[in-house]
Amino acid sequence: MKDTPISFEIVSKKIKESNLENLGSATIREIKKLVDEIEKESGEKYIRMEMGIPGLPAAKVGVEAEIEALKRGVANTYPDIQGIPELKNETSRFVKMFLNIDVDPEGCIPTVGSMQGGFASFIVVNRMYKEKDTTLFIDPGFPVHKQQHKLLGLKYETFDVYDFRGDKLRDKLESILSKGNISGMLYSNPNNPSWICFTEKELKIIGEMANKYNVVVLEDLAYVAMDFRKDLYSPGRPPYQATAASYTDNYILFISSSKAFSYAGQRIGMMIISDTLRKKKCSDLKRFYTSDNFGHSMIFGTIYPLSAGVAHSAQYAVAAMFKAASDGKFDFVDIVKEYGAKAKIMKKLFVDNGFKIVYDKDENEPIADGFYFTFSYPGFKGDELLKELIYYGVSAISLAITGSSRLEGIRACVSLVKREQFPDLEFRLNKFHQHHPVN
């Protein structure tokens, strides 16, 4: 029995009680529940890296705007399903200021977090054309999106983009999209879990392929402007957040309030539909909706029955945050740079103790330091490493549930790890390294 930082007996018992046959295939929430139980019984605090939860205070400008809205009495009134005018207008302006994309406010729709936005989009996009019934995941990606597909009974295909960076991406997409069954292709940028960021060349390829094969680009910008290698806080001036929307009019963007604005608790995000796609008419939509119009089917045929709209007061909060950012009065990027600063330190602690960074390059450029990073340890598969680290007071998730082909890897989120925990993290990693010497 090893002298592990967390009681070997307690961890073994709790893993057995969890009924999780393989921790490598466990969901994020299942890992969270397991670690909660171990912490409760052992009295030891873990280095919590499994959940992508903001570790910074909610943006003050949003909190104040929401309080004022509640004082005005909005809580007793249903908001319009398509969103309040203030939010729609400020979202359109924010997208112009930070992505340099022109979108009519009508196409800017609040959803109950980006997760609901994705859920609704998967439904509608896969109903546009009878022959296009499959989503392409440009992985690795957020595991819950595949869970949503399984829940809906929708088909999907996937590939790990790390093997097809740069010019290789065109041939890979061509080989898949040319089959004619792909309705939309989803990716996040910056990427969860790997933190890779697509280059302009790659986004141009994605846009061109979307145009060629009439496929909807589903771009998850949960971490908008968080590629800290560039100064992306310059409202109305380059550099802008890179996006495939610069190269195609066939897109839906998802901007979350959770990470960039630390407003996760209010469960609100924005779905931004291009003017062209919003106005598109597809006769096959009439199989499920009263209209053949994409925008109408999305709002009144899908979002309405899913949630009947988004919390009224939270919409005022996001409108205020977008306005302040676009006005140049709220540098949200500078605030969240703390994640990158922590990641740089934490990655060094892992590497100094024998670990390897799995996804380490954007084409030929070193990957940015940000909200996530990925690591492995010689001689371990990802599921084995995840289970072993639980005994050392370190929690994360396996890359196996993200669509990654690198099954030796694990995803770490830096947000909940406090700087005062760094000495403890170093001690635990050093202990792990001592117990598992690398030949």
Protein backbone atom coordinates (compact mmCIF):
# COMPACT_ATOMS: atom_id res chain seq x y z
CA MET A 1 0.00 0.00 0.00
CA LYS A 2 1.44 3.34 -1.04
CA ASP A 3 2.04 6.33 1.21
CA THR A 4 -0.24 8.54 -0.86
CA PRO A 5 -1.19 12.12 0.11
CA ILE A 6 -4.86 11.08 0.40
CA SER A 7 -5.79 8.00 2.43
CA PHE A 8 -5.43 4.97 0.17
CA GLU A 9 -8.26 3.19 2.00
CA ILE A 10 -10.72 6.09 1.70
CA VAL A 11 -10.02 6.68 -1.99
CA SER A 12 -10.31 2.97 -2.81
CA LYS A 13 -13.59 2.72 -0.89
CA LYS A 14 -15.12 5.78 -2.54
CA ILE A 15 -14.12 4.67 -6.02
CA LYS A 16 -15.77 1.31 -5.36
CA GLU A 17 -18.92 2.97 -3.97
CA SER A 18 -19.16 5.27 -7.00
CA ASN A 19 -19.97 2.28 -9.25
CA LEU A 20 -17.85 3.89 -11.95
CA GLU A 21 -16.40 0.95 -13.86
CA ASN A 22 -13.79 3.11 -15.57
CA LEU A 23 -12.92 6.61 -14.38
CA GLY A 24 -11.59 7.37 -17.85
CA SER A 25 -15.11 7.20 -19.29
CA ALA A 26 -16.75 9.03 -16.38
CA THR A 27 -18.41 12.37 -17.08
CA ILE A 28 -17.11 15.61 -15.61
CA ARG A 29 -19.97 15.72 -13.09
CA GLU A 30 -19.37 12.10 -12.06
CA ILE A 31 -15.71 12.86 -11.32
CA LYS A 32 -16.79 15.95 -9.38
CA LYS A 33 -19.19 13.92 -7.24
CA LEU A 34 -16.53 11.29 -6.52
CA VAL A 35 -13.97 13.88 -5.43
CA ASP A 36 -16.59 15.70 -3.33
CA GLU A 37 -17.21 12.44 -1.46
CA ILE A 38 -13.50 11.79 -0.90
CA GLU A 39 -12.91 15.34 0.35
CA LYS A 40 -15.84 15.04 2.73
CA GLU A 41 -14.66 11.78 4.30
CA SER A 42 -10.91 12.45 4.28
CA GLY A 43 -11.00 16.10 5.28
CA GLU A 44 -8.32 16.76 2.65
CA LYS A 45 -8.68 19.42 -0.02
CA TYR A 46 -8.01 18.36 -3.61
CA ILE A 47 -6.34 20.26 -6.42
CA ARG A 48 -9.61 20.52 -8.35
CA MET A 49 -9.03 20.59 -12.10
CA GLU A 50 -11.98 18.58 -13.43
CA MET A 51 -14.59 21.34 -13.75
CA GLY A 52 -14.40 24.33 -16.09
CA ILE A 53 -15.82 26.74 -13.52
CA PRO A 54 -14.76 30.40 -13.40
CA GLY A 55 -12.37 31.08 -10.56
CA LEU A 56 -12.77 34.86 -10.65
CA PRO A 57 -15.56 37.11 -9.31
CA ALA A 58 -18.53 37.77 -11.57
CA ALA A 59 -18.14 40.95 -13.57
CA LYS A 60 -19.31 43.83 -11.39
CA VAL A 61 -20.92 45.73 -14.26
CA GLY A 62 -23.16 42.72 -14.92
CA VAL A 63 -24.10 42.19 -11.30
CA GLU A 64 -25.05 45.84 -10.84
CA ALA A 65 -27.13 45.90 -14.02
CA GLU A 66 -28.98 42.74 -13.02
CA ILE A 67 -29.74 44.11 -9.54
CA GLU A 68 -31.10 47.29 -11.05
CA ALA A 69 -33.26 45.29 -13.46
CA LEU A 70 -34.68 43.26 -10.59
CA LYS A 71 -35.42 46.44 -8.65
CA ARG A 72 -37.34 47.72 -11.67
CA GLY A 73 -39.57 44.67 -11.39
CA VAL A 74 -38.57 42.62 -14.44
CA ALA A 75 -38.79 39.40 -12.42
CA ASN A 76 -42.58 39.35 -12.74
CA THR A 77 -42.58 39.53 -16.55
CA TYR A 78 -41.75 36.96 -19.20
CA PRO A 79 -39.03 38.24 -21.55
CA ASP A 80 -39.51 37.89 -25.29
CA ILE A 81 -38.24 34.52 -26.49
CA GLN A 82 -35.94 36.18 -29.00
CA GLY A 83 -34.35 38.37 -26.31
CA ILE A 84 -34.73 41.92 -25.02
CA PRO A 85 -33.84 44.68 -27.52
CA GLU A 86 -30.97 46.04 -25.40
CA LEU A 87 -29.22 42.68 -25.37
CA LYS A 88 -29.77 41.98 -29.06
CA ASN A 89 -28.38 45.38 -30.03
CA GLU A 90 -25.36 45.16 -27.75
CA THR A 91 -24.56 41.62 -28.88
CA SER A 92 -24.57 42.74 -32.51
CA ARG A 93 -22.28 45.62 -31.57
CA PHE A 94 -19.97 43.39 -29.49
CA VAL A 95 -19.54 40.97 -32.39
CA LYS A 96 -18.64 43.87 -34.66
CA MET A 97 -16.20 45.36 -32.16
CA PHE A 98 -14.36 42.16 -31.22
CA LEU A 99 -14.82 39.84 -34.22
CA ASN A 100 -15.30 42.46 -36.97
CA ILE A 101 -18.45 40.62 -38.11
CA ASP A 102 -21.68 42.32 -39.14
CA VAL A 103 -24.82 40.59 -37.82
CA ASP A 104 -28.32 42.03 -37.57
CA PRO A 105 -29.56 42.19 -33.95
CA GLU A 106 -32.44 39.93 -35.02
CA GLY A 107 -29.96 37.07 -35.30
CA CYS A 108 -28.64 37.54 -31.75
CA ILE A 109 -30.63 35.25 -29.46
CA PRO A 110 -30.08 34.55 -25.75
CA THR A 111 -29.99 30.92 -24.65
CA VAL A 112 -29.75 29.20 -21.28
CA GLY A 113 -26.00 28.98 -21.53
CA SER A 114 -24.13 28.05 -24.69
CA MET A 115 -25.03 24.43 -23.96
CA GLN A 116 -28.69 25.13 -24.74
CA GLY A 117 -27.65 27.09 -27.79
CA GLY A 118 -25.76 24.08 -29.06
CA PHE A 119 -28.62 21.73 -28.21
CA ALA A 120 -31.13 23.85 -30.14
CA SER A 121 -28.76 24.24 -33.09
CA PHE A 122 -28.14 20.50 -33.38
CA ILE A 123 -31.89 19.97 -33.62
CA VAL A 124 -32.60 22.57 -36.29
CA VAL A 125 -29.45 22.19 -38.40
CA ASN A 126 -29.99 18.44 -38.68
CA ARG A 127 -33.54 19.03 -39.96
CA MET A 128 -32.71 21.46 -42.76
CA TYR A 129 -32.14 18.77 -45.39
CA LYS A 130 -33.27 15.14 -45.29
CA GLU A 131 -29.96 13.87 -46.61
CA LYS A 132 -27.87 15.89 -44.12
CA ASP A 133 -28.47 14.17 -40.78
CA THR A 134 -25.00 14.04 -39.21
CA THR A 135 -22.87 16.51 -37.23
CA LEU A 136 -19.11 16.60 -37.66
CA PHE A 137 -17.15 17.23 -34.46
CA ILE A 138 -13.75 18.75 -35.10
CA ASP A 139 -12.28 17.33 -31.92
CA PRO A 140 -11.14 17.29 -29.21
CA GLY A 141 -14.20 18.96 -27.78
CA PHE A 142 -16.64 19.47 -24.93
CA PRO A 143 -17.93 15.98 -24.01
CA VAL A 144 -21.50 17.07 -23.32
CA HIS A 145 -22.10 17.93 -26.98
CA LYS A 146 -21.83 14.23 -27.84
CA GLN A 147 -24.03 13.42 -24.86
CA GLN A 148 -26.64 15.79 -26.31
CA HIS A 149 -26.48 13.95 -29.65
CA LYS A 150 -27.00 10.61 -27.93
CA LEU A 151 -29.97 12.05 -26.03
CA LEU A 152 -31.50 13.38 -29.26
CA GLY A 153 -30.71 10.24 -31.25
CA LEU A 154 -28.62 12.24 -33.72
CA LYS A 155 -25.67 10.91 -35.69
CA TYR A 156 -22.19 12.34 -35.54
CA GLU A 157 -18.72 11.80 -36.95
CA THR A 158 -15.48 12.96 -35.42
CA PHE A 159 -11.74 13.32 -35.93
CA ASP A 160 -8.87 14.68 -33.85
CA VAL A 161 -7.81 17.88 -35.61
CA TYR A 162 -4.32 17.82 -34.09
CA ASP A 163 -3.33 15.30 -36.75
CA PHE A 164 -4.61 17.61 -39.49
CA ARG A 165 -3.37 21.10 -38.76
CA GLY A 166 -2.67 23.66 -41.47
CA ASP A 167 -3.08 22.60 -45.08
CA LYS A 168 -3.84 18.99 -44.04
CA LEU A 169 -7.19 20.19 -42.71
CA ARG A 170 -8.56 20.86 -46.20
CA ASP A 171 -8.06 17.29 -47.42
CA LYS A 172 -9.48 15.84 -44.23
CA LEU A 173 -12.62 17.97 -44.38
CA GLU A 174 -12.98 17.27 -48.09
CA SER A 175 -12.91 13.52 -47.47
CA ILE A 176 -15.72 13.78 -44.91
CA LEU A 177 -17.94 16.55 -46.28
CA SER A 178 -17.92 15.18 -49.83
CA LYS A 179 -20.10 12.27 -48.66
CA GLY A 180 -23.00 14.73 -48.45
CA ASN A 181 -24.40 13.68 -45.07
CA ILE A 182 -22.86 16.39 -42.85
CA SER A 183 -25.25 19.14 -41.75
CA GLY A 184 -22.96 21.15 -39.49
CA MET A 185 -19.44 21.07 -38.09
CA LEU A 186 -18.69 22.04 -34.50
CA TYR A 187 -15.45 23.15 -32.85
CA SER A 188 -14.37 25.48 -30.05
CA ASN A 189 -11.78 28.23 -30.48
CA PRO A 190 -9.81 28.52 -28.19
CA ASN A 191 -10.33 24.81 -27.77
CA ASN A 192 -11.75 22.95 -24.81
CA PRO A 193 -9.96 20.73 -23.75
CA SER A 194 -6.62 21.24 -25.52
CA TRP A 195 -6.44 25.07 -25.71
CA ILE A 196 -5.26 24.90 -29.31
CA CYS A 197 -6.32 27.94 -31.34
CA PHE A 198 -7.11 27.71 -35.03
CA THR A 199 -4.99 29.85 -37.32
CA GLU A 200 -6.46 32.21 -39.91
CA LYS A 201 -5.43 29.73 -42.60
CA GLU A 202 -7.38 26.93 -40.89
CA LEU A 203 -10.47 29.07 -40.30
CA LYS A 204 -10.39 30.12 -43.96
CA ILE A 205 -10.31 26.45 -44.93
CA ILE A 206 -13.29 25.71 -42.65
CA GLY A 207 -15.22 28.63 -44.15
CA GLU A 208 -14.45 27.61 -47.71
CA MET A 209 -15.47 24.00 -47.06
CA ALA A 210 -18.71 25.19 -45.46
CA ASN A 211 -19.47 27.20 -48.59
CA LYS A 212 -18.55 24.38 -50.97
CA TYR A 213 -20.68 21.72 -49.26
CA ASN A 214 -23.45 23.88 -47.75
CA VAL A 215 -22.54 22.92 -44.20
CA VAL A 216 -23.28 25.14 -41.19
CA VAL A 217 -20.25 26.16 -39.13
CA LEU A 218 -21.06 25.87 -35.42
CA GLU A 219 -18.33 27.89 -33.71
CA ASP A 220 -18.15 27.71 -29.93
CA LEU A 221 -16.56 30.91 -28.62
CA ALA A 222 -16.97 30.12 -24.93
CA TYR A 223 -13.45 31.52 -24.43
CA VAL A 224 -13.77 34.52 -26.71
CA ALA A 225 -10.66 36.72 -26.87
CA MET A 226 -8.78 34.45 -24.43
CA ASP A 227 -5.83 33.64 -26.69
CA PHE A 228 -3.47 35.65 -24.51
CA ARG A 229 -0.63 35.61 -27.04
CA LYS A 230 -2.42 38.50 -28.74
CA ASP A 231 -3.97 41.67 -27.34
CA LEU A 232 -7.58 41.04 -28.33
CA TYR A 233 -9.07 43.81 -26.22
CA SER A 234 -9.15 46.64 -28.72
CA PRO A 235 -12.81 47.45 -29.47
CA GLY A 236 -13.24 48.19 -33.16
CA ARG A 237 -9.55 47.73 -33.98
CA PRO A 238 -7.44 44.72 -35.00
CA PRO A 239 -6.39 42.21 -33.94
CA TYR A 240 -9.83 40.62 -33.64
CA GLN A 241 -10.94 37.27 -32.32
CA ALA A 242 -10.28 34.88 -35.20
CA THR A 243 -13.41 33.29 -36.63
CA ALA A 244 -14.56 31.27 -39.63
CA ALA A 245 -17.40 33.82 -39.90
CA SER A 246 -14.86 35.97 -41.74
CA TYR A 247 -14.94 33.43 -44.58
CA THR A 248 -18.53 32.15 -44.74
CA ASP A 249 -22.09 33.39 -44.22
CA ASN A 250 -23.21 29.91 -43.19
CA TYR A 251 -22.55 30.04 -39.46
CA ILE A 252 -23.85 30.09 -35.91
CA LEU A 253 -21.60 31.48 -33.18
CA PHE A 254 -21.98 30.75 -29.47
CA ILE A 255 -20.66 33.34 -27.00
CA SER A 256 -20.88 32.38 -23.34
CA SER A 257 -21.02 34.73 -20.39
CA SER A 258 -19.51 32.02 -18.17
CA LYS A 259 -15.76 32.21 -18.77
CA ALA A 260 -14.79 35.58 -20.25
CA PHE A 261 -17.22 37.40 -17.92
CA SER A 262 -17.24 34.93 -14.99
CA TYR A 263 -21.04 34.95 -15.10
CA ALA A 264 -21.60 31.19 -15.12
CA GLY A 265 -24.18 31.03 -12.36
CA GLN A 266 -26.87 32.87 -14.31
CA ARG A 267 -26.78 30.37 -17.21
CA ILE A 268 -26.91 32.72 -20.15
CA GLY A 269 -25.12 32.71 -23.47
CA MET A 270 -25.72 34.16 -26.92
CA MET A 271 -26.48 32.35 -30.14
CA ILE A 272 -25.49 34.52 -33.11
CA ILE A 273 -26.94 33.43 -36.46
CA SER A 274 -25.64 34.97 -39.67
CA ASP A 275 -28.12 37.09 -41.63
CA THR A 276 -27.92 34.68 -44.57
CA LEU A 277 -28.63 31.57 -42.51
CA ARG A 278 -31.36 33.23 -40.44
CA LYS A 279 -33.27 34.15 -43.60
CA LYS A 280 -32.69 30.82 -45.34
CA LYS A 281 -35.72 28.78 -46.39
CA CYS A 282 -35.52 24.99 -46.36
CA SER A 283 -38.64 23.07 -47.33
CA ASP A 284 -37.54 20.08 -45.25
CA LEU A 285 -37.99 22.15 -42.08
CA LYS A 286 -41.73 21.92 -42.67
CA ARG A 287 -41.52 18.28 -41.58
CA PHE A 288 -41.15 19.54 -38.01
CA TYR A 289 -42.07 23.22 -37.94
CA THR A 290 -44.82 25.53 -39.14
CA SER A 291 -42.34 27.55 -41.19
CA ASP A 292 -39.61 26.73 -43.68
CA ASN A 293 -37.59 29.73 -42.43
CA PHE A 294 -34.48 28.82 -40.42
CA GLY A 295 -34.63 31.72 -37.95
CA HIS A 296 -38.33 31.26 -37.23
CA SER A 297 -37.87 27.52 -36.75
CA MET A 298 -34.99 28.13 -34.35
CA ILE A 299 -36.73 30.71 -32.15
CA PHE A 300 -40.38 29.73 -32.17
CA GLY A 301 -40.07 26.06 -33.04
CA THR A 302 -37.11 25.04 -30.89
CA ILE A 303 -35.97 27.55 -28.25
CA TYR A 304 -39.56 28.30 -27.22
CA PRO A 305 -40.47 24.69 -26.28
CA LEU A 306 -37.04 24.13 -24.71
CA SER A 307 -37.14 26.96 -22.18
CA ALA A 308 -39.62 29.68 -23.20
CA GLY A 309 -36.76 32.17 -23.02
CA VAL A 310 -33.89 33.15 -20.75
CA ALA A 311 -34.04 34.72 -17.27
CA HIS A 312 -35.11 38.34 -17.74
CA SER A 313 -32.67 40.01 -15.34
CA ALA A 314 -29.65 38.05 -16.63
CA GLN A 315 -30.26 39.48 -20.10
CA TYR A 316 -29.78 43.00 -18.74
CA ALA A 317 -26.54 41.86 -17.10
CA VAL A 318 -25.04 40.58 -20.36
CA ALA A 319 -26.25 43.63 -22.26
CA ALA A 320 -24.44 45.86 -19.76
CA MET A 321 -21.22 43.81 -19.92
CA PHE A 322 -21.18 43.82 -23.73
CA LYS A 323 -21.88 47.57 -23.79
CA ALA A 324 -19.12 48.37 -21.32
CA ALA A 325 -16.65 46.19 -23.24
CA SER A 326 -17.57 47.74 -26.60
CA ASP A 327 -17.38 51.24 -25.10
CA GLY A 328 -13.81 50.52 -23.99
CA LYS A 329 -14.75 50.84 -20.30
CA PHE A 330 -14.48 47.17 -19.29
CA ASP A 331 -11.32 45.28 -20.21
CA PHE A 332 -12.64 41.77 -19.61
CA VAL A 333 -9.58 40.25 -21.32
CA ASP A 334 -7.11 41.76 -18.87
CA ILE A 335 -9.09 40.32 -15.95
CA VAL A 336 -9.10 36.74 -17.24
CA LYS A 337 -5.37 36.78 -18.08
CA GLU A 338 -4.94 35.39 -14.58
CA TYR A 339 -5.85 32.00 -16.01
CA GLY A 340 -2.96 32.14 -18.44
CA ALA A 341 -0.56 33.24 -15.73
CA LYS A 342 -1.57 30.31 -13.52
CA ALA A 343 -1.40 27.84 -16.39
CA LYS A 344 2.21 28.80 -17.13
CA ILE A 345 3.24 28.05 -13.54
CA MET A 346 1.20 24.87 -13.26
CA LYS A 347 2.45 23.42 -16.54
CA LYS A 348 6.03 23.89 -15.33
CA LEU A 349 5.24 22.07 -12.08
CA PHE A 350 3.90 19.11 -14.06
CA VAL A 351 6.80 19.05 -16.55
CA ASP A 352 9.40 19.34 -13.77
CA ASN A 353 7.94 16.18 -12.25
CA GLY A 354 8.08 13.98 -15.33
CA PHE A 355 4.76 14.83 -16.99
CA LYS A 356 4.42 15.74 -20.67
CA ILE A 357 2.16 18.35 -22.29
CA VAL A 358 0.00 16.47 -24.83
CA TYR A 359 -1.32 19.24 -27.09
CA ASP A 360 1.62 21.61 -27.23
CA LYS A 361 1.57 23.40 -30.62
CA ASP A 362 -0.61 25.51 -32.93
CA GLU A 363 0.97 24.38 -36.16
CA ASN A 364 4.56 25.48 -35.48
CA GLU A 365 3.83 27.94 -32.67
CA PRO A 366 3.87 26.95 -28.98
CA ILE A 367 0.37 26.69 -27.57
CA ALA A 368 -0.98 29.57 -25.48
CA ASP A 369 -1.28 29.42 -21.70
CA GLY A 370 -4.95 29.59 -20.81
CA PHE A 371 -7.98 28.07 -19.14
CA TYR A 372 -6.98 24.46 -19.88
CA PHE A 373 -3.94 22.36 -20.61
CA THR A 374 -3.40 18.67 -21.26
CA PHE A 375 -0.82 16.31 -19.80
CA SER A 376 0.31 12.70 -19.72
CA TYR A 377 2.81 10.57 -17.80
CA PRO A 378 5.09 7.92 -19.32
CA GLY A 379 3.77 4.38 -18.97
CA PHE A 380 0.17 5.36 -18.23
CA LYS A 381 -2.99 5.43 -20.29
CA GLY A 382 -5.25 8.38 -19.54
CA ASP A 383 -7.82 6.40 -17.55
CA GLU A 384 -5.08 4.76 -15.48
CA LEU A 385 -3.39 8.09 -14.83
CA LEU A 386 -6.64 9.76 -13.82
CA LYS A 387 -7.42 7.02 -11.29
CA GLU A 388 -3.89 7.03 -9.88
CA LEU A 389 -3.83 10.82 -9.45
CA ILE A 390 -7.03 10.67 -7.39
CA TYR A 391 -4.93 9.00 -4.66
CA TYR A 392 -2.56 11.97 -4.80
CA GLY A 393 -5.23 14.61 -4.33
CA VAL A 394 -5.30 15.77 -7.95
CA SER A 395 -8.52 15.59 -10.02
CA ALA A 396 -9.03 16.11 -13.74
CA ILE A 397 -10.81 14.37 -16.65
CA SER A 398 -9.63 11.88 -19.24
CA LEU A 399 -9.18 13.04 -22.83
CA ALA A 400 -10.95 9.82 -23.85
CA ILE A 401 -14.37 11.49 -23.37
CA THR A 402 -13.44 14.51 -25.52
CA GLY A 403 -12.99 12.79 -28.88
CA SER A 404 -9.22 13.01 -28.59
CA SER A 405 -7.09 10.33 -30.24
CA ARG A 406 -4.46 10.84 -27.53
CA LEU A 407 -5.79 8.35 -25.03
CA GLU A 408 -2.73 8.77 -22.82
CA GLY A 409 -3.84 12.29 -21.92
CA ILE A 410 -5.77 14.17 -19.27
CA ARG A 411 -7.36 17.63 -19.30
CA ALA A 412 -6.63 20.06 -16.49
CA CYS A 413 -8.59 23.24 -15.83
CA VAL A 414 -6.67 25.93 -13.95
CA SER A 415 -9.57 28.12 -12.85
CA LEU A 416 -10.34 26.69 -9.40
CA VAL A 417 -6.73 26.15 -8.37
CA LYS A 418 -5.66 28.98 -6.10
CA ARG A 419 -2.10 30.24 -6.12
CA GLU A 420 -1.72 29.34 -2.44
CA GLN A 421 -2.30 25.72 -3.47
CA PHE A 422 0.73 25.66 -5.75
CA PRO A 423 3.12 24.37 -3.02
CA ASP A 424 0.65 21.58 -2.26
CA LEU A 425 0.35 20.75 -5.96
CA GLU A 426 4.13 20.64 -6.28
CA PHE A 427 4.40 18.33 -3.25
CA ARG A 428 1.78 15.93 -4.60
CA LEU A 429 3.26 15.82 -8.09
CA ASN A 430 6.71 15.24 -6.64
CA LYS A 431 5.34 12.40 -4.51
CA PHE A 432 3.70 10.89 -7.58
CA HIS A 433 7.00 11.18 -9.48
CA GLN A 434 8.87 9.45 -6.63
CA HIS A 435 6.36 6.59 -6.59
CA HIS A 436 6.42 6.26 -10.40
CA PRO A 437 10.03 6.81 -11.53
CA VAL A 438 10.51 7.27 -15.26
CA ASN A 439 13.09 4.93 -16.81
